[in-house]
Structure formats: C-alpha cells, structure tokens
N, C-alpha and C. Protein backbone atom coordinates (compact mmCIF):
# COMPACT_ATOMS: atom_id res chain seq x y z
N MET A 1 101.64 95.19 83.38
CA MET A 1 100.47 94.47 83.89
C MET A 1 100.12 94.54 84.95
N PHE A 2 101.21 94.50 86.12
CA PHE A 2 101.36 94.62 87.55
C PHE A 2 100.64 95.75 88.02
N LEU A 3 101.09 96.63 87.27
CA LEU A 3 100.59 97.93 87.76
C LEU A 3 98.97 98.36 87.15
N ALA A 4 98.79 98.21 86.25
CA ALA A 4 97.65 98.06 85.74
C ALA A 4 96.23 97.45 86.80
N THR A 5 96.86 96.31 87.11
CA THR A 5 95.78 95.60 88.01
C THR A 5 95.86 96.04 89.38
N ILE A 6 97.16 96.78 90.25
CA ILE A 6 96.97 97.40 91.27
C ILE A 6 96.20 98.78 90.99
N LEU A 7 96.25 99.55 89.99
CA LEU A 7 95.46 100.63 90.00
C LEU A 7 94.07 100.48 89.64
N THR A 8 93.46 99.45 88.87
CA THR A 8 92.32 98.80 88.96
C THR A 8 91.48 98.70 90.14
N PHE A 9 92.42 97.95 91.07
CA PHE A 9 92.03 97.70 92.23
C PHE A 9 91.46 98.65 93.33
N TYR A 10 92.69 99.92 93.09
CA TYR A 10 92.53 100.89 93.87
C TYR A 10 91.12 101.57 93.43
N GLY A 11 90.99 101.65 91.81
CA GLY A 11 90.00 102.41 91.70
C GLY A 11 88.40 101.71 92.11
N MET A 12 88.39 100.39 91.85
CA MET A 12 87.29 99.83 92.66
C MET A 12 87.10 100.03 94.07
N LYS A 13 88.10 100.20 94.75
CA LYS A 13 88.00 100.56 95.94
C LYS A 13 87.52 101.61 96.34
N GLY A 14 87.77 102.54 95.69
CA GLY A 14 87.06 103.95 95.51
C GLY A 14 85.92 104.02 95.56
N THR A 15 85.67 103.51 94.18
CA THR A 15 84.32 103.41 93.57
C THR A 15 83.14 102.79 94.65
N LEU A 16 83.83 101.78 95.18
CA LEU A 16 82.71 101.00 96.26
C LEU A 16 82.89 101.93 97.13
N SER A 17 83.59 102.48 98.08
CA SER A 17 83.45 103.06 99.32
C SER A 17 82.31 104.64 99.04
N ILE A 18 82.55 105.29 97.70
CA ILE A 18 81.47 106.47 97.36
C ILE A 18 80.28 106.02 97.42
N ILE A 19 79.93 104.74 96.82
CA ILE A 19 78.72 104.19 96.38
C ILE A 19 78.09 104.11 97.98
N LEU A 20 78.98 103.29 98.81
CA LEU A 20 78.47 102.94 100.21
C LEU A 20 78.06 104.63 100.87
N VAL A 21 78.72 105.28 100.76
CA VAL A 21 78.52 106.55 101.72
C VAL A 21 77.31 107.17 101.11
N HIS A 22 76.99 106.82 99.68
CA HIS A 22 75.95 107.58 99.15
C HIS A 22 74.68 106.65 99.33
N MET A 23 74.83 105.54 100.17
CA MET A 23 73.46 104.82 100.60
C MET A 23 73.18 105.20 101.76
N ILE A 24 73.99 105.87 102.53
CA ILE A 24 73.50 106.21 103.79
C ILE A 24 72.00 107.27 103.46
N SER A 25 71.14 107.39 104.51
CA SER A 25 69.92 108.22 104.18
C SER A 25 70.60 109.55 104.41
N SER A 26 69.63 110.35 103.51
CA SER A 26 69.94 111.87 103.70
C SER A 26 69.72 112.78 104.96
N ASP A 27 68.80 112.21 105.65
CA ASP A 27 68.72 112.66 107.01
C ASP A 27 69.31 112.25 107.98
N TYR A 28 70.27 111.51 107.89
CA TYR A 28 71.16 111.09 108.72
C TYR A 28 72.58 112.36 108.97
N PHE A 29 72.14 112.32 110.34
CA PHE A 29 73.11 113.84 110.64
C PHE A 29 74.47 114.02 110.26
N TYR A 30 75.45 112.58 110.01
CA TYR A 30 76.73 112.87 109.92
C TYR A 30 76.95 112.53 108.52
N ARG A 31 76.05 112.32 107.54
CA ARG A 31 76.44 112.18 106.22
C ARG A 31 77.28 112.70 105.61
N GLU A 32 77.13 114.13 105.71
CA GLU A 32 78.02 115.06 104.66
C GLU A 32 79.44 114.74 105.35
N LEU A 33 79.68 114.68 106.79
CA LEU A 33 81.10 114.31 106.99
C LEU A 33 81.72 113.10 106.28
N PHE A 34 80.65 111.81 106.53
CA PHE A 34 81.11 110.83 105.74
C PHE A 34 81.36 110.84 104.43
N GLU A 35 80.71 111.70 103.61
CA GLU A 35 81.11 111.89 102.33
C GLU A 35 82.38 112.57 102.30
N SER A 36 82.95 113.66 103.02
CA SER A 36 83.79 114.66 102.96
C SER A 36 84.80 113.70 103.39
N VAL A 37 85.20 112.75 104.40
CA VAL A 37 86.12 112.11 104.90
C VAL A 37 86.35 111.18 103.75
N THR A 38 85.66 110.34 103.04
CA THR A 38 85.74 109.30 101.90
C THR A 38 86.24 109.94 100.85
N ILE A 39 86.19 111.00 100.35
CA ILE A 39 86.68 111.62 99.21
C ILE A 39 87.91 112.49 99.64
N VAL A 40 88.33 112.67 100.82
CA VAL A 40 89.53 112.91 100.87
C VAL A 40 90.64 111.79 101.18
N VAL A 41 90.00 110.88 101.88
CA VAL A 41 90.92 109.45 101.92
C VAL A 41 91.30 108.93 100.86
N LEU A 42 90.38 109.00 99.40
CA LEU A 42 90.04 108.44 98.46
C LEU A 42 91.42 109.08 97.61
N ILE A 43 91.17 110.62 97.38
CA ILE A 43 92.18 111.45 97.00
C ILE A 43 93.60 111.28 97.61
N HIS A 44 93.66 111.43 98.81
CA HIS A 44 94.84 110.85 99.31
C HIS A 44 95.53 109.67 99.40
N SER A 45 94.86 108.65 99.15
CA SER A 45 95.81 107.44 98.47
C SER A 45 96.01 107.35 97.12
N ILE A 46 94.93 107.80 96.29
CA ILE A 46 95.30 108.00 94.91
C ILE A 46 96.78 108.56 94.59
N PHE A 47 96.92 109.56 95.09
CA PHE A 47 98.36 110.52 95.26
C PHE A 47 99.36 109.88 95.76
N VAL A 48 99.12 109.23 96.98
CA VAL A 48 100.47 108.56 98.11
C VAL A 48 100.61 107.29 97.09
N TYR A 49 99.69 106.23 96.54
CA TYR A 49 99.71 105.10 96.04
C TYR A 49 100.60 105.31 94.90
N GLY A 50 99.99 106.22 94.29
CA GLY A 50 100.33 106.61 92.79
C GLY A 50 102.30 107.11 92.87
N THR A 51 102.25 107.98 93.87
CA THR A 51 103.54 108.33 93.95
C THR A 51 104.42 107.23 94.43
N ILE A 52 103.92 106.34 95.19
CA ILE A 52 105.08 105.15 95.69
C ILE A 52 105.18 104.44 94.66
N LEU A 53 104.29 103.89 93.79
CA LEU A 53 104.35 102.83 92.63
C LEU A 53 105.10 103.30 91.78
N TRP A 54 105.03 104.80 91.29
CA TRP A 54 106.02 105.64 90.36
C TRP A 54 107.23 105.59 90.92
N ALA A 55 107.73 105.61 92.05
CA ALA A 55 108.91 105.60 92.63
C ALA A 55 109.42 104.19 92.62
N CYS A 56 108.30 103.43 92.88
CA CYS A 56 109.02 101.99 92.99
C CYS A 56 109.19 101.45 91.06
N PHE A 57 108.71 101.62 90.51
CA PHE A 57 108.92 101.13 89.27
C PHE A 57 109.90 102.12 88.26
N THR A 58 110.10 103.33 89.08
CA THR A 58 111.01 104.06 88.09
C THR A 58 112.62 104.00 88.79
N PHE A 59 112.88 103.79 89.99
CA PHE A 59 113.91 103.53 90.62
C PHE A 59 114.43 102.12 91.24
N CYS A 60 113.76 101.23 91.26
CA CYS A 60 113.86 99.82 91.63
C CYS A 60 114.53 99.42 90.62
N PRO A 61 115.68 98.58 90.37
CA PRO A 61 115.80 97.79 89.52
C PRO A 61 114.79 96.72 89.19
N LEU A 62 115.07 96.05 87.97
CA LEU A 62 114.17 94.85 87.58
C LEU A 62 114.21 93.76 88.63
N LYS A 63 115.55 93.44 89.00
CA LYS A 63 115.93 92.44 89.96
C LYS A 63 114.88 92.49 91.39
N GLU A 64 114.74 93.62 91.97
CA GLU A 64 114.48 94.14 93.01
C GLU A 64 112.66 93.95 92.72
N ARG A 65 112.36 94.46 91.74
CA ARG A 65 110.98 94.44 91.61
C ARG A 65 109.98 92.82 91.38
N TRP A 66 111.21 91.86 91.08
CA TRP A 66 110.66 90.28 91.18
C TRP A 66 110.65 90.39 92.52
N LEU A 67 111.35 90.60 93.74
CA LEU A 67 111.33 90.36 95.00
C LEU A 67 110.02 90.82 95.55
N LEU A 68 109.24 92.18 95.04
CA LEU A 68 108.13 92.88 95.56
C LEU A 68 106.83 92.11 95.08
N ARG A 69 106.96 90.92 94.06
CA ARG A 69 105.81 90.68 93.62
C ARG A 69 105.45 89.71 94.57
N LYS A 70 106.40 88.82 95.27
CA LYS A 70 106.43 87.66 96.04
C LYS A 70 105.60 88.26 97.57
N MET A 71 105.86 89.39 97.74
CA MET A 71 105.29 89.69 99.12
C MET A 71 103.79 89.89 99.13
C-alpha cells in the first residue's frame, strides 16, 4: 500500500510536469529545451526513485521500514 501511494504520487508529478510544459506557447524559443529537460528529469526520477524504493523494500528489515514511515 505504501509503495503504491508513493508511485502514484510520482506518476501524478510527472504527468503534471508534462502538461505544464505543453501549455507553453509553440512560438516560445526555449520550448523544446523545456520539453527535453522535463522528460529527462522525469525518466531519471522514475529509475532512481524506483531503484531506491526497490532496494529499501528488498533489503531493509520490517522493523527499519516502520522507522522510514515516520520520516
């Protein structure tokens, strides 16, 4: 349940970022740069956060996971 909540939050964050970038007018000079940076950051965060969460839930004992929830 905890992992699904975190992944849902990051999915909404990425979707909102892409929507906001596509709201920039098409004649804006740096629009392509903003799109590229947004997609790179989104993909990077998916893999980094996914790997960290996988490692946390795979290698942390249940007692330490309880401590992580309080943070």
